[in-house]
C-alpha atoms as a PDB file:
ATOM      1  CA  MET A   1      46.213-122.485  81.564  1.00  0.00           C
ATOM      2  CA  GLY A   2      49.255-124.525  80.515  1.00  0.00           C
ATOM      3  CA  VAL A   3      48.362-124.515  76.805  1.00  0.00           C
ATOM      4  CA  PRO A   4      51.156-125.105  74.265  1.00  0.00           C
ATOM      5  CA  GLN A   5      53.082-122.041  73.197  1.00  0.00           C
ATOM      6  CA  THR A   6      51.875-122.219  69.596  1.00  0.00           C
ATOM      7  CA  TYR A   7      48.207-122.309  70.633  1.00  0.00           C
ATOM      8  CA  ALA A   8      48.777-119.456  73.110  1.00  0.00           C
ATOM      9  CA  SER A   9      50.200-117.407  70.217  1.00  0.00           C
ATOM     10  CA  GLN A  10      47.027-117.946  68.171  1.00  0.00           C
ATOM     11  CA  ILE A  11      44.825-116.802  71.080  1.00  0.00           C
ATOM     12  CA  LEU A  12      46.952-113.650  71.590  1.00  0.00           C
ATOM     13  CA  ALA A  13      46.816-112.910  67.873  1.00  0.00           C
ATOM     14  CA  ASP A  14      42.993-112.964  68.023  1.00  0.00           C
ATOM     15  CA  LEU A  15      43.061-110.464  70.937  1.00  0.00           C
ATOM     16  CA  VAL A  16      45.392-108.193  68.991  1.00  0.00           C
ATOM     17  CA  ARG A  17      43.109-108.293  65.941  1.00  0.00           C
ATOM     18  CA  ALA A  18      40.130-107.403  68.164  1.00  0.00           C
ATOM     19  CA  GLY A  19      42.011-104.387  69.546  1.00  0.00           C
ATOM     20  CA  LEU A  20      42.092-105.759  73.117  1.00  0.00           C
ATOM     21  CA  ALA A  21      45.863-106.404  73.185  1.00  0.00           C
ATOM     22  CA  ARG A  22      48.990-105.003  71.548  1.00  0.00           C
ATOM     23  CA  SER A  23      52.171-106.807  70.650  1.00  0.00           C
ATOM     24  CA  LYS A  24      55.736-105.486  70.753  1.00  0.00           C
ATOM     25  CA  ALA A  25      58.697-107.176  69.165  1.00  0.00           C
ATOM     26  CA  GLY A  26      62.227-107.288  70.469  1.00  0.00           C
ATOM     27  CA  ARG A  27      64.051-108.288  73.596  1.00  0.00           C
ATOM     28  CA  ASP A  28      61.726-106.356  75.859  1.00  0.00           C
ATOM     29  CA  GLY A  29      58.660-107.147  73.783  1.00  0.00           C
ATOM     30  CA  GLY A  30      55.583-109.151  74.528  1.00  0.00           C
ATOM     31  CA  TYR A  31      51.844-108.598  74.827  1.00  0.00           C
ATOM     32  CA  SER A  32      49.889-106.112  76.878  1.00  0.00           C
ATOM     33  CA  LEU A  33      46.267-104.934  77.150  1.00  0.00           C
ATOM     34  CA  THR A  34      45.196-101.811  75.283  1.00  0.00           C
ATOM     35  CA  ARG A  35      42.843-100.859  78.120  1.00  0.00           C
ATOM     36  CA  MET A  36      42.658-101.396  81.863  1.00  0.00           C
ATOM     37  CA  PRO A  37      41.102-104.820  82.770  1.00  0.00           C
ATOM     38  CA  ALA A  38      38.136-103.017  84.405  1.00  0.00           C
ATOM     39  CA  ALA A  39      37.325-101.469  80.991  1.00  0.00           C
ATOM     40  CA  ILE A  40      37.315-104.751  79.082  1.00  0.00           C
ATOM     41  CA  SER A  41      34.152-106.901  79.204  1.00  0.00           C
ATOM     42  CA  MET A  42      34.105-110.633  78.927  1.00  0.00           C
ATOM     43  CA  LEU A  43      31.758-110.171  75.943  1.00  0.00           C
ATOM     44  CA  GLU A  44      34.591-108.528  74.032  1.00  0.00           C
ATOM     45  CA  VAL A  45      37.016-111.297  74.980  1.00  0.00           C
ATOM     46  CA  VAL A  46      34.606-114.123  74.023  1.00  0.00           C
ATOM     47  CA  GLU A  47      33.609-112.475  70.727  1.00  0.00           C
ATOM     48  CA  ALA A  48      37.297-111.901  69.847  1.00  0.00           C
ATOM     49  CA  GLY A  49      37.756-115.703  69.817  1.00  0.00           C
ATOM     50  CA  GLU A  50      34.294-117.004  68.918  1.00  0.00           C
ATOM     51  CA  GLY A  51      32.863-114.292  66.694  1.00  0.00           C
ATOM     52  CA  PRO A  52      29.685-112.276  67.255  1.00  0.00           C
ATOM     53  CA  LEU A  53      27.309-113.794  69.810  1.00  0.00           C
ATOM     54  CA  ARG A  54      24.219-112.562  68.005  1.00  0.00           C
ATOM     55  CA  SER A  55      21.732-114.188  65.736  1.00  0.00           C
ATOM     56  CA  GLU A  56      22.901-113.289  62.236  1.00  0.00           C
ATOM     57  CA  ARG A  57      21.181-116.091  60.371  1.00  0.00           C
ATOM     58  CA  CYS A  58      18.052-118.236  60.731  1.00  0.00           C
ATOM     59  CA  ALA A  59      18.334-120.658  63.651  1.00  0.00           C
ATOM     60  CA  LEU A  60      16.799-123.396  61.480  1.00  0.00           C
ATOM     61  CA  GLY A  61      19.836-123.241  59.172  1.00  0.00           C
ATOM     62  CA  GLU A  62      19.610-123.497  55.407  1.00  0.00           C
ATOM     63  CA  GLY A  63      16.573-125.790  55.243  1.00  0.00           C
ATOM     64  CA  PRO A  64      13.230-124.799  53.689  1.00  0.00           C
ATOM     65  CA  CYS A  65      11.265-122.128  55.551  1.00  0.00           C
ATOM     66  CA  ARG A  66       7.633-121.258  55.004  1.00  0.00           C
ATOM     67  CA  TRP A  67       7.909-117.749  56.435  1.00  0.00           C
ATOM     68  CA  ASP A  68       9.375-114.894  54.396  1.00  0.00           C
ATOM     69  CA  ALA A  69      10.053-112.558  57.268  1.00  0.00           C
ATOM     70  CA  VAL A  70      10.190-114.536  60.505  1.00  0.00           C
ATOM     71  CA  CYS A  71      10.334-118.145  61.715  1.00  0.00           C
ATOM     72  CA  PRO A  72       8.877-119.604  64.955  1.00  0.00           C
ATOM     73  CA  LEU A  73      12.327-119.658  66.572  1.00  0.00           C
ATOM     74  CA  HIS A  74      13.290-116.078  65.798  1.00  0.00           C
ATOM     75  CA  GLU A  75      12.025-114.350  68.906  1.00  0.00           C
ATOM     76  CA  SER A  76      13.128-117.001  71.373  1.00  0.00           C
ATOM     77  CA  TRP A  77      16.569-117.335  69.785  1.00  0.00           C
ATOM     78  CA  ARG A  78      17.060-113.551  69.738  1.00  0.00           C
ATOM     79  CA  ALA A  79      16.077-113.368  73.455  1.00  0.00           C
ATOM     80  CA  ALA A  80      18.491-116.192  74.410  1.00  0.00           C
ATOM     81  CA  THR A  81      21.470-114.707  72.601  1.00  0.00           C
ATOM     82  CA  GLY A  82      20.599-111.262  73.910  1.00  0.00           C
ATOM     83  CA  ALA A  83      20.550-112.540  77.541  1.00  0.00           C
ATOM     84  CA  MET A  84      23.944-114.211  77.083  1.00  0.00           C
ATOM     85  CA  ARG A  85      25.481-111.029  75.637  1.00  0.00           C
ATOM     86  CA  ALA A  86      23.983-108.988  78.470  1.00  0.00           C
ATOM     87  CA  VAL A  87      25.477-111.248  81.127  1.00  0.00           C
ATOM     88  CA  LEU A  88      28.987-111.313  79.543  1.00  0.00           C
ATOM     89  CA  ALA A  89      28.864-107.529  78.945  1.00  0.00           C
ATOM     90  CA  GLY A  90      28.317-107.003  82.726  1.00  0.00           C
ATOM     91  CA  ILE A  91      31.480-108.952  83.712  1.00  0.00           C
ATOM     92  CA  THR A  92      34.875-107.323  83.387  1.00  0.00           C
ATOM     93  CA  LEU A  93      38.188-108.888  82.934  1.00  0.00           C
ATOM     94  CA  ALA A  94      39.273-107.356  86.216  1.00  0.00           C
ATOM     95  CA  GLU A  95      36.536-109.264  88.008  1.00  0.00           C
ATOM     96  CA  VAL A  96      37.561-112.542  86.458  1.00  0.00           C
ATOM     97  CA  ALA A  97      41.159-111.917  87.391  1.00  0.00           C
ATOM     98  CA  ALA A  98      40.095-111.118  91.019  1.00  0.00           C
ATOM     99  CA  ARG A  99      38.165-114.351  91.187  1.00  0.00           C
ATOM    100  CA  ASP A 100      41.186-116.261  89.870  1.00  0.00           C
ATOM    101  CA  GLU A 101      43.452-114.790  92.541  1.00  0.00           C
ATOM    102  CA  GLU A 102      40.821-115.760  95.157  1.00  0.00           C
ATOM    103  CA  LEU A 103      40.821-119.353  94.001  1.00  0.00           C
ATOM    104  CA  GLU A 104      44.658-119.398  93.952  1.00  0.00           C
ATOM    105  CA  ARG A 105      44.574-118.440  97.648  1.00  0.00           C
ATOM    106  CA  GLY A 106      42.234-121.311  98.323  1.00  0.00           C
ATOM    107  CA  GLU A 107      39.303-119.051  99.185  1.00  0.00           C
ATOM    108  CA  GLY A 108      35.698-119.511  98.138  1.00  0.00           C
ATOM    109  CA  THR A 109      33.910-122.719  97.194  1.00  0.00           C
ATOM    110  CA  ALA A 110      33.472-124.398  93.888  1.00  0.00           C
ATOM    111  CA  PRO A 111      30.030-124.156  92.312  1.00  0.00           C
ATOM    112  CA  PRO A 112      27.934-127.395  92.313  1.00  0.00           C
ATOM    113  CA  ASP A 113      28.170-127.608  88.469  1.00  0.00           C
ATOM    114  CA  SER A 114      31.869-126.961  88.224  1.00  0.00           C
ATOM    115  CA  HIS A 115      33.685-128.740  85.393  1.00  0.00           C
ATOM    116  CA  ARG A 116      36.596-130.131  87.313  1.00  0.00           C
ATOM    117  CA  HIS A 117      38.568-133.039  85.921  1.00  0.00           C
ATOM    118  CA  ALA A 118      37.476-136.369  87.370  1.00  0.00           C
ATOM    119  CA  HIS A 119      41.179-137.257  87.796  1.00  0.00           C
ATOM    120  CA  ARG A 120      43.453-134.427  88.711  1.00  0.00           C
ATOM    121  CA  SER A 121      47.214-134.590  88.215  1.00  0.00           C
ATOM    122  CA  LEU A 122      48.993-137.460  89.970  1.00  0.00           C
ATOM    123  CA  SER A 123      52.427-137.450  91.513  1.00  0.00           C
ATOM    124  CA  VAL A 124      54.883-139.586  89.513  1.00  0.00           C
ATOM    125  CA  GLU A 125      58.352-140.784  90.190  1.00  0.00           C
ATOM    126  CA  ASP A 126      60.435-143.471  88.512  1.00  0.00           C
ATOM    127  CA  GLU A 127      63.933-144.123  87.289  1.00  0.00           C
ATOM    128  CA  VAL A 128      65.894-146.247  84.815  1.00  0.00           C
ATOM    129  CA  GLN A 129      69.534-147.165  84.260  1.00  0.00           C
ATOM    130  CA  VAL A 130      71.222-146.535  80.925  1.00  0.00           C
ATOM    131  CA  GLU A 131      74.292-148.481  79.832  1.00  0.00           C
ATOM    132  CA  CYS A 132      75.957-145.331  78.660  1.00  0.00           C
ATOM    133  CA  ASP A 133      78.097-142.529  80.168  1.00  0.00           C
ATOM    134  CA  LEU A 134      76.546-139.338  81.501  1.00  0.00           C
ATOM    135  CA  ARG A 135      77.815-137.022  78.670  1.00  0.00           C
ATOM    136  CA  THR A 136      76.503-139.208  75.872  1.00  0.00           C
ATOM    137  CA  THR A 137      73.179-139.690  77.640  1.00  0.00           C
ATOM    138  CA  LEU A 138      72.756-135.908  78.045  1.00  0.00           C
ATOM    139  CA  MET A 139      73.508-135.377  74.359  1.00  0.00           C
ATOM    140  CA  GLN A 140      70.831-137.890  73.338  1.00  0.00           C
ATOM    141  CA  LEU A 141      68.222-136.137  75.562  1.00  0.00           C
ATOM    142  CA  GLN A 142      68.625-132.898  73.565  1.00  0.00           C
ATOM    143  CA  GLU A 143      66.730-134.423  70.547  1.00  0.00           C
ATOM    144  CA  GLU A 144      63.168-133.191  71.046  1.00  0.00           C
ATOM    145  CA  VAL A 145      61.784-134.978  67.936  1.00  0.00           C
ATOM    146  CA  TRP A 146      63.171-138.295  69.182  1.00  0.00           C
ATOM    147  CA  LEU A 147      61.722-137.639  72.691  1.00  0.00           C
ATOM    148  CA  SER A 148      58.310-136.913  71.127  1.00  0.00           C
ATOM    149  CA  HIS A 149      58.447-140.355  69.530  1.00  0.00           C
ATOM    150  CA  CYS A 150      59.225-141.890  72.952  1.00  0.00           C
ATOM    151  CA  VAL A 151      56.091-140.133  74.313  1.00  0.00           C
ATOM    152  CA  GLN A 152      53.911-141.408  71.478  1.00  0.00           C
ATOM    153  CA  ASP A 153      55.220-144.957  71.970  1.00  0.00           C
ATOM    154  CA  ALA A 154      54.548-144.720  75.748  1.00  0.00           C
ATOM    155  CA  TYR A 155      50.925-143.640  75.144  1.00  0.00           C
ATOM    156  CA  ALA A 156      50.473-146.515  72.628  1.00  0.00           C
ATOM    157  CA  GLU A 157      51.789-149.037  75.107  1.00  0.00           C
ATOM    158  CA  MET A 158      49.702-147.511  77.845  1.00  0.00           C
ATOM    159  CA  ASP A 159      46.580-147.660  75.661  1.00  0.00           C
ATOM    160  CA  THR A 160      47.068-151.430  75.128  1.00  0.00           C
ATOM    161  CA  LEU A 161      46.836-151.842  78.944  1.00  0.00           C
ATOM    162  CA  ARG A 162      43.823-149.464  79.077  1.00  0.00           C
ATOM    163  CA  ALA A 163      41.996-151.517  76.452  1.00  0.00           C
ATOM    164  CA  ARG A 164      42.308-154.634  78.645  1.00  0.00           C
ATOM    165  CA  MET A 165      41.021-152.723  81.643  1.00  0.00           C
ATOM    166  CA  ASP A 166      38.249-150.867  79.861  1.00  0.00           C
ATOM    167  CA  PRO A 167      37.447-152.491  76.430  1.00  0.00           C
ATOM    168  CA  GLY A 168      34.603-150.116  75.688  1.00  0.00           C
ATOM    169  CA  GLY A 169      36.426-146.914  76.736  1.00  0.00           C
ATOM    170  CA  LEU A 170      37.890-144.253  74.544  1.00  0.00           C
ATOM    171  CA  SER A 171      41.514-144.508  73.336  1.00  0.00           C
ATOM    172  CA  TRP A 172      44.262-142.511  74.960  1.00  0.00           C
ATOM    173  CA  ILE A 173      46.238-142.381  71.702  1.00  0.00           C
ATOM    174  CA  SER A 174      46.406-139.099  69.829  1.00  0.00           C
ATOM    175  CA  GLY A 175      47.303-138.852  66.156  1.00  0.00           C
ATOM    176  CA  ALA A 176      49.010-135.474  66.695  1.00  0.00           C
ATOM    177  CA  SER A 177      52.600-135.177  67.838  1.00  0.00           C
ATOM    178  CA  PRO A 178      53.009-134.151  71.491  1.00  0.00           C
ATOM    179  CA  ALA A 179      53.981-130.616  72.304  1.00  0.00           C
ATOM    180  CA  LEU A 180      57.248-130.982  74.214  1.00  0.00           C
ATOM    181  CA  GLU A 181      59.527-128.559  76.077  1.00  0.00           C
ATOM    182  CA  LEU A 182      62.975-129.072  77.543  1.00  0.00           C
ATOM    183  CA  THR A 183      64.735-126.549  79.819  1.00  0.00           C
ATOM    184  CA  PRO A 184      68.528-126.144  79.495  1.00  0.00           C
ATOM    185  CA  PRO A 185      70.565-128.606  81.600  1.00  0.00           C
ATOM    186  CA  VAL A 186      71.771-127.467  85.015  1.00  0.00           C
ATOM    187  CA  GLU A 187      74.832-129.168  86.480  1.00  0.00           C
ATOM    188  CA  SER A 188      74.414-129.613  90.263  1.00  0.00           C
ATOM    189  CA  ASN A 189      77.880-131.163  90.655  1.00  0.00           C
ATOM    190  CA  GLY A 190      80.421-133.086  88.624  1.00  0.00           C
ATOM    191  CA  GLU A 191      78.314-136.250  88.583  1.00  0.00           C
ATOM    192  CA  ALA A 192      74.708-135.094  88.133  1.00  0.00           C
ATOM    193  CA  VAL A 193      72.696-132.883  85.717  1.00  0.00           C
ATOM    194  CA  THR A 194      69.062-131.821  85.938  1.00  0.00           C
ATOM    195  CA  ARG A 195      66.699-130.433  83.313  1.00  0.00           C
ATOM    196  CA  GLY A 196      62.942-129.835  83.168  1.00  0.00           C
ATOM    197  CA  LEU A 197      60.725-131.864  80.861  1.00  0.00           C
ATOM    198  CA  VAL A 198      57.121-130.909  79.935  1.00  0.00           C
ATOM    199  CA  TRP A 199      54.868-132.559  77.463  1.00  0.00           C
ATOM    200  CA  ALA A 200      51.285-131.995  76.401  1.00  0.00           C
ATOM    201  CA  VAL A 201      49.212-134.493  74.400  1.00  0.00           C
ATOM    202  CA  MET A 202      45.714-133.812  73.070  1.00  0.00           C
ATOM    203  CA  THR A 203      43.742-137.101  73.161  1.00  0.00           C
ATOM    204  CA  PRO A 204      40.467-137.758  71.323  1.00  0.00           C
ATOM    205  CA  GLY A 205      37.388-136.399  73.082  1.00  0.00           C
ATOM    206  CA  SER A 206      39.438-135.233  76.056  1.00  0.00           C
ATOM    207  CA  ALA A 207      41.208-132.391  77.645  1.00  0.00           C
ATOM    208  CA  GLU A 208      44.991-132.117  77.456  1.00  0.00           C
ATOM    209  CA  SER A 209      47.059-134.812  79.083  1.00  0.00           C
ATOM    210  CA  ARG A 210      50.181-133.230  80.555  1.00  0.00           C
ATOM    211  CA  LEU A 211      53.422-134.071  82.275  1.00  0.00           C
ATOM    212  CA  GLU A 212      55.415-131.490  84.230  1.00  0.00           C
ATOM    213  CA  SER A 213      58.638-133.112  85.519  1.00  0.00           C
ATOM    214  CA  THR A 214      62.302-132.855  86.299  1.00  0.00           C
ATOM    215  CA  LEU A 215      64.882-135.280  84.920  1.00  0.00           C
ATOM    216  CA  GLU A 216      67.956-135.892  86.968  1.00  0.00           C
ATOM    217  CA  LEU A 217      70.863-137.613  85.244  1.00  0.00           C
ATOM    218  CA  ARG A 218      73.424-139.089  87.672  1.00  0.00           C
ATOM    219  CA  SER A 219      76.629-140.900  86.753  1.00  0.00           C
ATOM    220  CA  LEU A 220      76.792-144.350  88.378  1.00  0.00           C
ATOM    221  CA  ASP A 221      80.182-145.195  86.880  1.00  0.00           C
ATOM    222  CA  PRO A 222      82.028-144.411  83.590  1.00  0.00           C
ATOM    223  CA  GLU A 223      79.643-146.638  81.647  1.00  0.00           C
ATOM    224  CA  ARG A 224      76.315-146.282  83.368  1.00  0.00           C
ATOM    225  CA  THR A 225      73.911-143.365  83.989  1.00  0.00           C
ATOM    226  CA  LEU A 226      70.744-143.200  86.158  1.00  0.00           C
ATOM    227  CA  ILE A 227      67.824-141.182  84.799  1.00  0.00           C
ATOM    228  CA  HIS A 228      65.379-140.188  87.604  1.00  0.00           C
ATOM    229  CA  LEU A 229      62.060-138.586  86.733  1.00  0.00           C
ATOM    230  CA  SER A 230      59.806-136.845  89.239  1.00  0.00           C
ATOM    231  CA  GLY A 231      56.822-134.565  88.732  1.00  0.00           C
ATOM    232  CA  ARG A 232      53.071-134.604  88.095  1.00  0.00           C
ATOM    233  CA  PHE A 233      51.047-136.204  85.374  1.00  0.00           C
ATOM    234  CA  ARG A 234      47.539-135.430  84.283  1.00  0.00           C
ATOM    235  CA  PRO A 235      45.871-138.381  82.534  1.00  0.00           C
ATOM    236  CA  PRO A 236      43.272-137.875  79.800  1.00  0.00           C
ATOM    237  CA  ILE A 237      39.694-137.287  80.738  1.00  0.00           C
ATOM    238  CA  THR A 238      38.837-140.467  78.892  1.00  0.00           C
ATOM    239  CA  ALA A 239      39.796-142.204  82.133  1.00  0.00           C
ATOM    240  CA  LEU A 240      36.347-141.279  83.488  1.00  0.00           C
ATOM    241  CA  THR A 241      35.235-144.923  83.296  1.00  0.00           C
ATOM    242  CA  LEU A 242      38.246-146.078  85.294  1.00  0.00           C
ATOM    243  CA  ASP A 243      38.604-146.020  89.065  1.00  0.00           C
ATOM    244  CA  ASP A 244      41.462-144.264  90.881  1.00  0.00           C
ATOM    245  CA  GLU A 245      43.507-147.418  91.241  1.00  0.00           C
ATOM    246  CA  GLN A 246      43.298-148.212  87.491  1.00  0.00           C
ATOM    247  CA  THR A 247      44.141-144.649  86.540  1.00  0.00           C
ATOM    248  CA  ALA A 248      47.159-144.643  88.861  1.00  0.00           C
ATOM    249  CA  ARG A 249      48.306-147.917  87.347  1.00  0.00           C
ATOM    250  CA  LEU A 250      48.014-146.545  83.787  1.00  0.00           C
ATOM    251  CA  THR A 251      49.867-143.451  84.818  1.00  0.00           C
ATOM    252  CA  GLN A 252      52.698-145.526  86.238  1.00  0.00           C
ATOM    253  CA  ALA A 253      52.719-147.593  83.047  1.00  0.00           C
ATOM    254  CA  ALA A 254      53.029-144.462  80.942  1.00  0.00           C
ATOM    255  CA  ILE A 255      56.049-143.142  82.835  1.00  0.00           C
ATOM    256  CA  ARG A 256      57.710-146.562  82.989  1.00  0.00           C
ATOM    257  CA  ALA A 257      57.237-147.043  79.256  1.00  0.00           C
ATOM    258  CA  PHE A 258      58.636-143.605  78.504  1.00  0.00           C
ATOM    259  CA  LEU A 259      61.771-144.153  80.559  1.00  0.00           C
ATOM    260  CA  ARG A 260      62.286-147.648  79.171  1.00  0.00           C
ATOM    261  CA  GLY A 261      61.982-146.172  75.669  1.00  0.00           C
ATOM    262  CA  LEU A 262      64.574-143.541  76.534  1.00  0.00           C
ATOM    263  CA  ALA A 263      67.049-146.172  77.821  1.00  0.00           C
ATOM    264  CA  THR A 264      66.517-148.461  74.839  1.00  0.00           C
ATOM    265  CA  GLY A 265      66.850-145.649  72.352  1.00  0.00           C
ATOM    266  CA  ILE A 266      70.025-144.251  73.884  1.00  0.00           C
ATOM    267  CA  GLU A 267      71.644-147.653  74.154  1.00  0.00           C
ATOM    268  CA  SER A 268      70.726-148.563  70.553  1.00  0.00           C
ATOM    269  CA  GLN A 269      72.221-145.292  69.207  1.00  0.00           C
ATOM    270  CA  VAL A 270      75.477-145.822  71.135  1.00  0.00           C
ATOM    271  CA  GLY A 271      75.675-149.466  70.013  1.00  0.00           C
ATOM    272  CA  SER A 272      74.799-148.795  66.372  1.00  0.00           C
ATOM    273  CA  PRO A 273      77.328-150.118  63.710  1.00  0.00           C
ATOM    274  CA  LEU A 274      78.109-146.552  62.614  1.00  0.00           C
ATOM    275  CA  ARG A 275      78.935-145.459  66.163  1.00  0.00           C
ATOM    276  CA  GLN A 276      81.081-148.525  66.722  1.00  0.00           C
ATOM    277  CA  LEU A 277      82.944-147.867  63.450  1.00  0.00           C
ATOM    278  CA  GLN A 278      83.498-144.229  64.396  1.00  0.00           C
ATOM    279  CA  GLY A 279      84.853-145.155  67.746  1.00  0.00           C
ATOM    280  CA  ALA A 280      86.905-148.174  66.665  1.00  0.00           C
ATOM    281  CA  GLY A 281      89.974-146.243  65.509  1.00  0.00           C
ATOM    282  CA  PRO A 282      92.260-147.252  62.609  1.00  0.00           C
ATOM    283  CA  ALA A 283      92.277-150.872  61.558  1.00  0.00           C
ATOM    284  CA  LYS A 284      95.347-152.925  62.372  1.00  0.00           C
END
């Protein structure tokens, strides 16, 4: 599903508390099911996360009620919740997994009421030059908190452009910090280093906006480094009111703003007075 690791841990904890999964600590640890998938119903899975799917209180809430024993919604509400529980109880986790594998193979057709994103992930590629050597640039890219600020700034700049395109649309800016992951650097040769970069941003009223990319850092000369980004970007669902061309333009603006922020930040750190003083050597 591509959810952030912290959120996935919360979901797994719910399954453990419900007795559907077990956890094991240590190097070979992880999570596993307590029963075979064919013996676990979707009702159990849903209720592990959502609570009991049964009518445990009056459907009319806490308001005044003229009936001591029953209200006019009682029978219909009980029938509706009972039907939902019956359907979910008749579907096993094994059946859902089999359907997932079928879709992964490209088999079957989507139902007419499927909830697909209006804009699926888009291919992205861009690059920027940094007035800094490769080693220093790589060191700066290890600061995940600083990179998260670059992502937030990129979304803010992109949202300014979105507001001009679609003044009445929903904002792309999220108040929460992006979930960001960096893979360890891999040196392909003496002049280039690659590392994976993934970020996830929850935007208001939307599904997760996500980037899955590879950063390639290549030395141009002793004082310049090229940062090349390639991957796929999923824009927020709030882009529903925009056409494909506008969405692609906003996507390009987001990646361009992010890379520009990286370059500016790295160069400003290298050129700060403290850095210059540290590298100046003894005064003559």
